[in-house]
Each structure stands twice: as structure tokens, then as C-alpha cells.
N, C-alpha and C. Protein backbone atom coordinates (compact mmCIF):
# COMPACT_ATOMS: atom_id res chain seq x y z
N UNK A 1 0.84 -1.19 0.00
CA UNK A 1 0.00 0.00 0.00
C UNK A 1 0.88 1.25 0.00
N UNK A 2 0.36 2.32 -0.58
CA UNK A 2 1.10 3.57 -0.60
C UNK A 2 1.14 4.17 0.81
N UNK A 3 2.10 5.07 1.08
CA UNK A 3 2.24 5.62 2.44
C UNK A 3 0.97 6.22 3.03
N UNK A 4 0.18 7.03 2.29
CA UNK A 4 -1.04 7.57 2.90
C UNK A 4 -2.06 6.49 3.28
N UNK A 5 -2.18 5.47 2.44
CA UNK A 5 -3.12 4.38 2.75
C UNK A 5 -2.64 3.60 3.97
N UNK A 6 -1.35 3.33 4.02
CA UNK A 6 -0.79 2.63 5.19
C UNK A 6 -1.02 3.42 6.46
N UNK A 7 -0.83 4.72 6.38
CA UNK A 7 -1.05 5.58 7.56
C UNK A 7 -2.50 5.51 8.01
N UNK A 8 -3.44 5.56 7.06
CA UNK A 8 -4.86 5.47 7.41
C UNK A 8 -5.19 4.13 8.06
N UNK A 9 -4.63 3.06 7.53
CA UNK A 9 -4.88 1.73 8.10
C UNK A 9 -4.31 1.65 9.51
N UNK A 10 -3.07 2.10 9.67
CA UNK A 10 -2.46 2.10 11.01
C UNK A 10 -3.25 2.95 11.98
N UNK A 11 -3.71 4.10 11.52
CA UNK A 11 -4.50 4.99 12.37
C UNK A 11 -5.81 4.32 12.79
N UNK A 12 -6.45 3.65 11.85
CA UNK A 12 -7.70 2.94 12.17
C UNK A 12 -7.47 1.84 13.19
N UNK A 13 -6.37 1.12 13.05
CA UNK A 13 -6.05 0.07 14.02
C UNK A 13 -5.76 0.67 15.40
N UNK A 14 -5.06 1.80 15.40
CA UNK A 14 -4.74 2.47 16.67
C UNK A 14 -6.02 2.93 17.38
N UNK A 15 -6.95 3.49 16.62
CA UNK A 15 -8.20 3.97 17.21
C UNK A 15 -9.02 2.83 17.79
N UNK A 16 -8.86 1.66 17.23
CA UNK A 16 -9.60 0.49 17.73
C UNK A 16 -8.81 -0.25 18.81
N UNK A 17 -7.71 0.36 19.24
CA UNK A 17 -6.83 -0.24 20.25
C UNK A 17 -6.30 -1.61 19.82
N UNK A 18 -6.09 -1.76 18.53
CA UNK A 18 -5.56 -3.01 17.98
C UNK A 18 -4.05 -2.87 17.79
N UNK A 19 -3.36 -2.64 18.89
CA UNK A 19 -1.92 -2.39 18.83
C UNK A 19 -1.16 -3.55 18.22
N UNK A 20 -1.51 -4.78 18.60
CA UNK A 20 -0.79 -5.93 18.07
C UNK A 20 -0.87 -5.99 16.54
N UNK A 21 -2.04 -5.70 15.98
CA UNK A 21 -2.18 -5.69 14.53
C UNK A 21 -1.40 -4.55 13.90
N UNK A 22 -1.42 -3.37 14.56
CA UNK A 22 -0.65 -2.23 14.05
C UNK A 22 0.84 -2.56 14.03
N UNK A 23 1.32 -3.21 15.08
CA UNK A 23 2.73 -3.59 15.14
C UNK A 23 3.07 -4.63 14.07
N UNK A 24 2.17 -5.57 13.85
CA UNK A 24 2.38 -6.58 12.80
C UNK A 24 2.44 -5.92 11.42
N UNK A 25 1.54 -4.97 11.19
CA UNK A 25 1.53 -4.29 9.90
C UNK A 25 2.81 -3.47 9.71
N UNK A 26 3.25 -2.80 10.76
CA UNK A 26 4.49 -2.03 10.68
C UNK A 26 5.67 -2.97 10.38
N UNK A 27 5.73 -4.10 11.06
CA UNK A 27 6.79 -5.08 10.82
C UNK A 27 6.72 -5.62 9.39
N UNK A 28 5.51 -5.88 8.91
CA UNK A 28 5.34 -6.37 7.55
C UNK A 28 5.88 -5.36 6.54
N UNK A 29 5.56 -4.08 6.78
CA UNK A 29 6.06 -3.02 5.90
C UNK A 29 7.59 -3.00 5.90
N UNK A 30 8.18 -3.13 7.07
CA UNK A 30 9.65 -3.12 7.16
C UNK A 30 10.24 -4.33 6.43
N UNK A 31 9.66 -5.50 6.65
CA UNK A 31 10.17 -6.72 6.03
C UNK A 31 10.06 -6.67 4.50
N UNK A 32 9.05 -5.99 4.00
CA UNK A 32 8.84 -5.89 2.56
C UNK A 32 9.40 -4.60 1.97
N UNK A 33 10.18 -3.92 2.77
CA UNK A 33 10.90 -2.71 2.34
C UNK A 33 9.99 -1.62 1.79
N UNK A 34 8.83 -1.49 2.41
CA UNK A 34 7.96 -0.38 2.05
C UNK A 34 8.53 0.88 2.65
N UNK A 35 8.27 2.00 2.01
CA UNK A 35 8.75 3.27 2.50
C UNK A 35 7.93 3.70 3.72
N UNK A 36 8.59 3.72 4.85
CA UNK A 36 7.93 4.18 6.07
C UNK A 36 8.35 5.62 6.34
N UNK A 37 7.49 6.35 7.01
CA UNK A 37 7.81 7.73 7.33
C UNK A 37 7.41 8.05 8.77
N UNK A 38 7.60 9.27 9.13
CA UNK A 38 7.32 9.74 10.49
C UNK A 38 5.86 9.47 10.89
N UNK A 39 4.94 9.65 9.95
CA UNK A 39 3.52 9.47 10.26
C UNK A 39 3.18 8.03 10.64
N UNK A 40 3.81 7.07 9.97
CA UNK A 40 3.58 5.67 10.32
C UNK A 40 4.00 5.42 11.77
N UNK A 41 5.21 5.84 12.09
CA UNK A 41 5.71 5.64 13.45
C UNK A 41 4.90 6.42 14.47
N UNK A 42 4.56 7.67 14.16
CA UNK A 42 3.77 8.47 15.09
C UNK A 42 2.47 7.77 15.47
N UNK A 43 1.83 7.20 14.47
CA UNK A 43 0.55 6.52 14.71
C UNK A 43 0.72 5.32 15.64
N UNK A 44 1.74 4.54 15.41
CA UNK A 44 1.95 3.34 16.22
C UNK A 44 2.47 3.70 17.61
N UNK A 45 3.33 4.70 17.72
CA UNK A 45 3.82 5.15 19.03
C UNK A 45 2.64 5.67 19.85
N UNK A 46 1.75 6.42 19.21
CA UNK A 46 0.55 6.90 19.90
C UNK A 46 -0.31 5.73 20.36
N UNK A 47 -0.45 4.72 19.52
CA UNK A 47 -1.22 3.53 19.90
C UNK A 47 -0.58 2.82 21.10
N UNK A 48 0.74 2.81 21.15
CA UNK A 48 1.43 2.23 22.30
C UNK A 48 1.01 2.94 23.59
N UNK A 49 0.95 4.26 23.52
CA UNK A 49 0.53 5.04 24.68
C UNK A 49 -0.88 4.70 25.12
N UNK A 50 -1.77 4.57 24.17
CA UNK A 50 -3.16 4.25 24.49
C UNK A 50 -3.31 2.86 25.09
N UNK A 51 -2.29 2.03 24.90
CA UNK A 51 -2.30 0.67 25.45
C UNK A 51 -1.30 0.48 26.59
N UNK A 52 -0.81 1.60 27.14
CA UNK A 52 0.14 1.59 28.27
C UNK A 52 1.40 0.78 27.98
N UNK A 53 1.87 0.85 26.75
CA UNK A 53 3.09 0.14 26.33
C UNK A 53 4.21 1.15 26.09
N UNK A 54 4.60 1.85 27.16
CA UNK A 54 5.59 2.92 27.01
C UNK A 54 6.95 2.39 26.55
N UNK A 55 7.35 1.22 27.01
CA UNK A 55 8.66 0.68 26.61
C UNK A 55 8.68 0.39 25.11
N UNK A 56 7.58 -0.11 24.58
CA UNK A 56 7.49 -0.37 23.14
C UNK A 56 7.52 0.95 22.36
N UNK A 57 6.87 1.97 22.90
CA UNK A 57 6.89 3.29 22.26
C UNK A 57 8.32 3.83 22.17
N UNK A 58 9.08 3.68 23.25
CA UNK A 58 10.46 4.16 23.26
C UNK A 58 11.33 3.33 22.32
N UNK A 59 11.05 2.03 22.23
CA UNK A 59 11.77 1.17 21.30
C UNK A 59 11.52 1.63 19.86
N UNK A 60 10.25 1.91 19.54
CA UNK A 60 9.91 2.36 18.19
C UNK A 60 10.55 3.71 17.87
N UNK A 61 10.60 4.59 18.86
CA UNK A 61 11.27 5.89 18.67
C UNK A 61 12.74 5.67 18.34
N UNK A 62 13.39 4.80 19.06
CA UNK A 62 14.80 4.49 18.81
C UNK A 62 14.98 3.84 17.44
N UNK A 63 14.12 2.90 17.11
CA UNK A 63 14.18 2.23 15.81
C UNK A 63 14.01 3.24 14.67
N UNK A 64 13.10 4.15 14.87
CA UNK A 64 12.82 5.18 13.88
C UNK A 64 14.07 6.01 13.59
N UNK A 65 14.73 6.46 14.66
CA UNK A 65 15.94 7.27 14.52
C UNK A 65 17.04 6.47 13.84
N UNK A 66 17.21 5.21 14.26
CA UNK A 66 18.27 4.37 13.69
C UNK A 66 18.03 4.06 12.20
N UNK A 67 16.77 4.11 11.78
CA UNK A 67 16.48 3.85 10.37
C UNK A 67 16.54 5.12 9.52
N UNK A 68 16.90 6.23 10.16
CA UNK A 68 17.07 7.49 9.42
C UNK A 68 15.83 8.34 9.28
N UNK A 69 14.78 7.99 9.99
CA UNK A 69 13.55 8.79 9.95
C UNK A 69 13.60 9.76 11.13
N UNK A 70 13.53 11.06 10.82
CA UNK A 70 13.63 12.06 11.87
C UNK A 70 12.30 12.22 12.60
N UNK A 71 12.33 12.06 13.93
CA UNK A 71 11.11 12.28 14.70
C UNK A 71 10.77 13.77 14.72
N UNK A 72 9.50 14.07 14.82
CA UNK A 72 9.07 15.45 14.94
C UNK A 72 8.43 15.67 16.32
N UNK A 73 7.89 16.84 16.53
CA UNK A 73 7.27 17.15 17.83
C UNK A 73 6.15 16.18 18.15
N UNK A 74 5.37 15.80 17.15
CA UNK A 74 4.27 14.85 17.36
C UNK A 74 4.82 13.51 17.85
N UNK A 75 5.93 13.08 17.27
CA UNK A 75 6.55 11.81 17.68
C UNK A 75 6.94 11.86 19.15
N UNK A 76 7.65 12.91 19.50
CA UNK A 76 8.11 13.04 20.89
C UNK A 76 6.94 13.19 21.85
N UNK A 77 5.92 13.93 21.46
CA UNK A 77 4.76 14.09 22.32
C UNK A 77 4.06 12.74 22.55
N UNK A 78 3.96 11.95 21.49
CA UNK A 78 3.35 10.62 21.63
C UNK A 78 4.18 9.74 22.56
N UNK A 79 5.50 9.84 22.45
CA UNK A 79 6.38 9.04 23.32
C UNK A 79 6.30 9.51 24.77
N UNK A 80 6.31 10.83 25.00
CA UNK A 80 6.18 11.35 26.37
C UNK A 80 4.83 10.96 26.95
N UNK A 81 3.77 11.08 26.14
CA UNK A 81 2.43 10.69 26.60
C UNK A 81 2.36 9.20 26.91
N UNK A 82 3.06 8.39 26.13
CA UNK A 82 3.11 6.94 26.41
C UNK A 82 3.73 6.68 27.78
N UNK A 83 4.81 7.40 28.06
CA UNK A 83 5.46 7.25 29.37
C UNK A 83 4.54 7.73 30.49
N UNK A 84 3.85 8.83 30.24
CA UNK A 84 2.91 9.37 31.24
C UNK A 84 1.81 8.35 31.52
N UNK A 85 1.22 7.79 30.49
CA UNK A 85 0.13 6.82 30.66
C UNK A 85 0.62 5.53 31.28
N UNK A 86 1.89 5.21 31.07
CA UNK A 86 2.47 4.00 31.64
C UNK A 86 3.13 4.21 32.98
N UNK A 87 2.93 5.41 33.56
CA UNK A 87 3.49 5.75 34.89
C UNK A 87 5.01 5.65 34.92
N UNK A 88 5.65 5.99 33.81
CA UNK A 88 7.11 5.99 33.73
C UNK A 88 7.60 7.44 33.73
N UNK A 89 7.41 8.12 34.87
CA UNK A 89 7.67 9.55 34.94
C UNK A 89 9.14 9.90 34.67
N UNK A 90 10.06 9.05 35.12
CA UNK A 90 11.47 9.35 34.89
C UNK A 90 11.80 9.32 33.39
N UNK A 91 11.24 8.36 32.68
CA UNK A 91 11.46 8.28 31.23
C UNK A 91 10.82 9.49 30.53
N UNK A 92 9.65 9.90 31.01
CA UNK A 92 8.99 11.08 30.44
C UNK A 92 9.88 12.31 30.60
N UNK A 93 10.47 12.46 31.77
CA UNK A 93 11.36 13.61 32.00
C UNK A 93 12.63 13.51 31.16
N UNK A 94 13.18 12.32 31.02
CA UNK A 94 14.38 12.15 30.17
C UNK A 94 14.08 12.57 28.73
N UNK A 95 12.93 12.16 28.24
CA UNK A 95 12.53 12.55 26.89
C UNK A 95 12.33 14.06 26.80
N UNK A 96 11.68 14.63 27.81
CA UNK A 96 11.44 16.07 27.83
C UNK A 96 12.76 16.82 27.72
N UNK A 97 13.76 16.40 28.50
CA UNK A 97 15.07 17.04 28.47
C UNK A 97 15.70 16.91 27.08
N UNK A 98 15.62 15.73 26.49
CA UNK A 98 16.18 15.52 25.14
C UNK A 98 15.51 16.43 24.12
N UNK A 99 14.20 16.55 24.24
CA UNK A 99 13.47 17.41 23.31
C UNK A 99 13.88 18.86 23.51
N UNK A 100 13.91 19.28 24.77
CA UNK A 100 14.24 20.67 25.09
C UNK A 100 15.67 21.03 24.66
N UNK A 101 16.54 20.04 24.54
CA UNK A 101 17.91 20.30 24.11
C UNK A 101 18.05 20.34 22.60
N UNK A 102 16.94 20.41 21.91
CA UNK A 102 17.01 20.65 20.48
C UNK A 102 16.57 19.53 19.57
N UNK A 103 16.09 18.42 20.13
CA UNK A 103 15.64 17.32 19.28
C UNK A 103 14.41 17.72 18.46
N UNK A 104 13.54 18.52 19.03
CA UNK A 104 12.32 18.99 18.38
C UNK A 104 11.79 20.18 19.18
N UNK A 105 10.67 20.71 18.75
CA UNK A 105 10.05 21.82 19.47
C UNK A 105 9.27 21.30 20.67
N UNK A 106 9.46 21.95 21.80
CA UNK A 106 8.66 21.64 22.99
C UNK A 106 7.38 22.47 22.88
N UNK A 107 6.24 21.82 23.07
CA UNK A 107 4.99 22.56 23.00
C UNK A 107 4.12 22.27 24.23
N UNK A 108 2.93 22.75 24.20
CA UNK A 108 2.03 22.62 25.36
C UNK A 108 1.74 21.16 25.68
N UNK A 109 1.69 20.32 24.67
CA UNK A 109 1.43 18.89 24.89
C UNK A 109 2.63 18.24 25.58
N UNK A 110 3.83 18.62 25.16
CA UNK A 110 5.04 18.08 25.79
C UNK A 110 5.05 18.44 27.28
N UNK A 111 4.83 19.72 27.58
CA UNK A 111 4.80 20.16 28.98
C UNK A 111 3.70 19.46 29.76
N UNK A 112 2.52 19.38 29.15
CA UNK A 112 1.38 18.77 29.84
C UNK A 112 1.60 17.31 30.17
N UNK A 113 2.10 16.56 29.20
CA UNK A 113 2.32 15.12 29.42
C UNK A 113 3.41 14.88 30.45
N UNK A 114 4.50 15.64 30.38
CA UNK A 114 5.59 15.47 31.34
C UNK A 114 5.14 15.87 32.75
N UNK A 115 4.38 16.96 32.85
CA UNK A 115 3.88 17.40 34.15
C UNK A 115 2.89 16.39 34.72
N UNK A 116 2.03 15.87 33.87
CA UNK A 116 1.07 14.86 34.31
C UNK A 116 1.77 13.58 34.77
N UNK A 117 2.84 13.19 34.07
CA UNK A 117 3.62 12.01 34.49
C UNK A 117 4.17 12.21 35.89
N UNK A 118 4.70 13.40 36.14
CA UNK A 118 5.22 13.71 37.49
C UNK A 118 4.08 13.73 38.50
N UNK A 119 2.95 14.28 38.09
CA UNK A 119 1.79 14.36 38.99
C UNK A 119 1.29 13.00 39.41
N UNK A 120 1.21 12.08 38.46
CA UNK A 120 0.74 10.73 38.78
C UNK A 120 1.67 10.02 39.76
N UNK A 121 2.95 10.39 39.71
CA UNK A 121 3.93 9.78 40.61
C UNK A 121 4.07 10.56 41.92
N UNK A 122 3.33 11.66 42.05
CA UNK A 122 3.42 12.48 43.27
C UNK A 122 4.72 13.26 43.35
N UNK A 123 5.36 13.49 42.24
CA UNK A 123 6.63 14.22 42.19
C UNK A 123 6.33 15.71 41.99
N UNK A 124 5.82 16.34 43.05
CA UNK A 124 5.37 17.72 42.96
C UNK A 124 6.50 18.70 42.65
N UNK A 125 7.69 18.42 43.16
CA UNK A 125 8.80 19.35 42.88
C UNK A 125 9.14 19.37 41.39
N UNK A 126 9.17 18.19 40.77
CA UNK A 126 9.45 18.09 39.34
C UNK A 126 8.33 18.75 38.53
N UNK A 127 7.09 18.51 38.92
CA UNK A 127 5.96 19.13 38.23
C UNK A 127 6.02 20.64 38.34
N UNK A 128 6.39 21.12 39.51
CA UNK A 128 6.52 22.56 39.73
C UNK A 128 7.63 23.16 38.87
N UNK A 129 8.74 22.44 38.77
CA UNK A 129 9.86 22.90 37.93
C UNK A 129 9.43 22.99 36.46
N UNK A 130 8.66 22.01 36.01
CA UNK A 130 8.18 22.05 34.63
C UNK A 130 7.25 23.24 34.39
N UNK A 131 6.38 23.52 35.35
CA UNK A 131 5.49 24.68 35.22
C UNK A 131 6.30 25.97 35.19
N UNK A 132 7.33 26.03 36.00
CA UNK A 132 8.20 27.20 36.01
C UNK A 132 8.88 27.37 34.66
N UNK A 133 9.38 26.26 34.09
CA UNK A 133 10.00 26.32 32.76
C UNK A 133 8.99 26.76 31.71
N UNK A 134 7.77 26.29 31.87
CA UNK A 134 6.74 26.62 30.90
C UNK A 134 6.45 28.11 30.92
N UNK A 135 6.36 28.70 32.12
CA UNK A 135 6.06 30.12 32.21
C UNK A 135 7.20 30.99 31.68
N UNK A 136 8.43 30.48 31.71
CA UNK A 136 9.56 31.25 31.19
C UNK A 136 9.87 30.93 29.73
N UNK A 137 9.09 30.05 29.12
CA UNK A 137 9.29 29.70 27.71
C UNK A 137 8.27 30.44 26.85
N UNK A 138 8.35 30.20 25.57
CA UNK A 138 7.40 30.81 24.64
C UNK A 138 6.07 30.07 24.60
N UNK A 139 5.99 28.94 25.32
CA UNK A 139 4.77 28.13 25.31
C UNK A 139 3.73 28.78 26.23
N UNK A 140 2.53 28.92 25.72
CA UNK A 140 1.45 29.52 26.48
C UNK A 140 1.02 28.56 27.60
N UNK A 141 0.92 29.09 28.80
CA UNK A 141 0.51 28.30 29.96
C UNK A 141 -0.97 27.94 29.84
N UNK A 142 -1.31 26.70 30.22
CA UNK A 142 -2.71 26.30 30.17
C UNK A 142 -3.15 25.69 31.50
N UNK A 143 -4.44 25.59 31.66
CA UNK A 143 -4.99 25.09 32.93
C UNK A 143 -4.75 23.60 33.10
N UNK A 144 -4.65 22.85 32.01
CA UNK A 144 -4.43 21.41 32.11
C UNK A 144 -3.08 21.12 32.76
N UNK A 145 -2.05 21.84 32.33
CA UNK A 145 -0.71 21.63 32.89
C UNK A 145 -0.67 22.05 34.35
N UNK A 146 -1.27 23.20 34.66
CA UNK A 146 -1.29 23.62 36.07
C UNK A 146 -2.12 22.68 36.93
N UNK A 147 -3.19 22.14 36.38
CA UNK A 147 -3.99 21.16 37.12
C UNK A 147 -3.16 19.91 37.42
N UNK A 148 -2.34 19.49 36.46
CA UNK A 148 -1.47 18.32 36.68
C UNK A 148 -0.46 18.63 37.78
N UNK A 149 0.06 19.85 37.82
CA UNK A 149 1.01 20.24 38.87
C UNK A 149 0.32 20.28 40.23
N UNK A 150 -0.89 20.80 40.27
CA UNK A 150 -1.65 20.82 41.53
C UNK A 150 -1.94 19.41 42.01
N UNK A 151 -2.29 18.54 41.08
CA UNK A 151 -2.52 17.13 41.41
C UNK A 151 -1.26 16.50 42.00
N UNK A 152 -0.11 16.85 41.45
CA UNK A 152 1.16 16.34 41.97
C UNK A 152 1.36 16.79 43.40
N UNK A 153 1.01 18.04 43.68
CA UNK A 153 1.14 18.55 45.05
C UNK A 153 0.22 17.81 46.01
N UNK A 154 -0.98 17.50 45.53
CA UNK A 154 -1.94 16.75 46.36
C UNK A 154 -1.45 15.35 46.69
N UNK A 155 -0.81 14.71 45.71
CA UNK A 155 -0.34 13.34 45.89
C UNK A 155 0.99 13.24 46.60
N UNK A 156 1.80 14.28 46.45
CA UNK A 156 3.13 14.27 47.07
C UNK A 156 3.09 14.79 48.49
N UNK A 157 4.21 14.67 49.12
CA UNK A 157 4.33 15.17 50.48
C UNK A 157 5.03 16.52 50.44
N UNK A 158 4.30 17.54 50.84
CA UNK A 158 4.87 18.90 50.84
C UNK A 158 5.32 19.25 52.24
């Protein structure tokens, strides 16, 4: 299938939470040397997050880079969100730092997912630091990120 059709199929599988089928299709494309792009990986990495498979999401991110496909902000946001949903707050922060050091643009979704990951773990100091970075960056502050920071304070010991 051509890249747009493959992306639509992968997206449909992801929406139906059919991660195993999406992974099989991605592997089939690789084995048959089909041209894969950022959108294919973004879709499957996002599906990993929806299925709490953060380690698989990070593996796919690494595989993507090693195969010469440059991740974009959407890719990194999907990976950070996967870590957040999988309660892997330290991995979410590591990715956030990598992104902030120039891998891609940090946006409101990046901040929100990383802050939420810290919040779920009760790491209020880390969540607070992220909110502070957000207010000093060009990213517009939103209530979702601040709510995640407040939640972190509620769960953590102050």
C-alpha cells in the first residue's frame, strides 16, 4: 500500500486499540521494504501510549531514529504521553530534556504530558519545575498543565 493508505490503516487500528495488529503491519512493511515515514511511526507510538506500552513506544522511537527517519514534535509528544500513561515519569522527563535540548520543538502537549507524568507519581517538585520552565518559555501556559502540577502537590508530600 502507498504511504497515505498505510497511515490510514495504522490509524484505524490504533483507534480500535488493535496495537498488536498495528505492530504486525508495521513489521510487515519493514520486512517488505515499504517506504515508512514519520507518520507511520507516530501513529503506532501513539497507539502504544493508548495501550500503556511505554517501553514499546520508546523502542519504536529508537528504531525510527536508527532507520534514518527524523522524529518530529508529534513523535516526541506521543512518546512522552506513552510514558505518562504508563506511569514511567522518569522516562517522560528524560525525553522532555532531550526534546528541550534541540531534538524537536517543545509545546504545550510536551509540557502537559511530562507534568502529568510527574503528577501521577506524586513528584510535585518536578511538576513545579516544569510549570516554572513553561512560564519562562514561549509556550502559552494552560490550565491542564497547572492542574497536573496541583494534582502532583496533592499526591506528594509537601
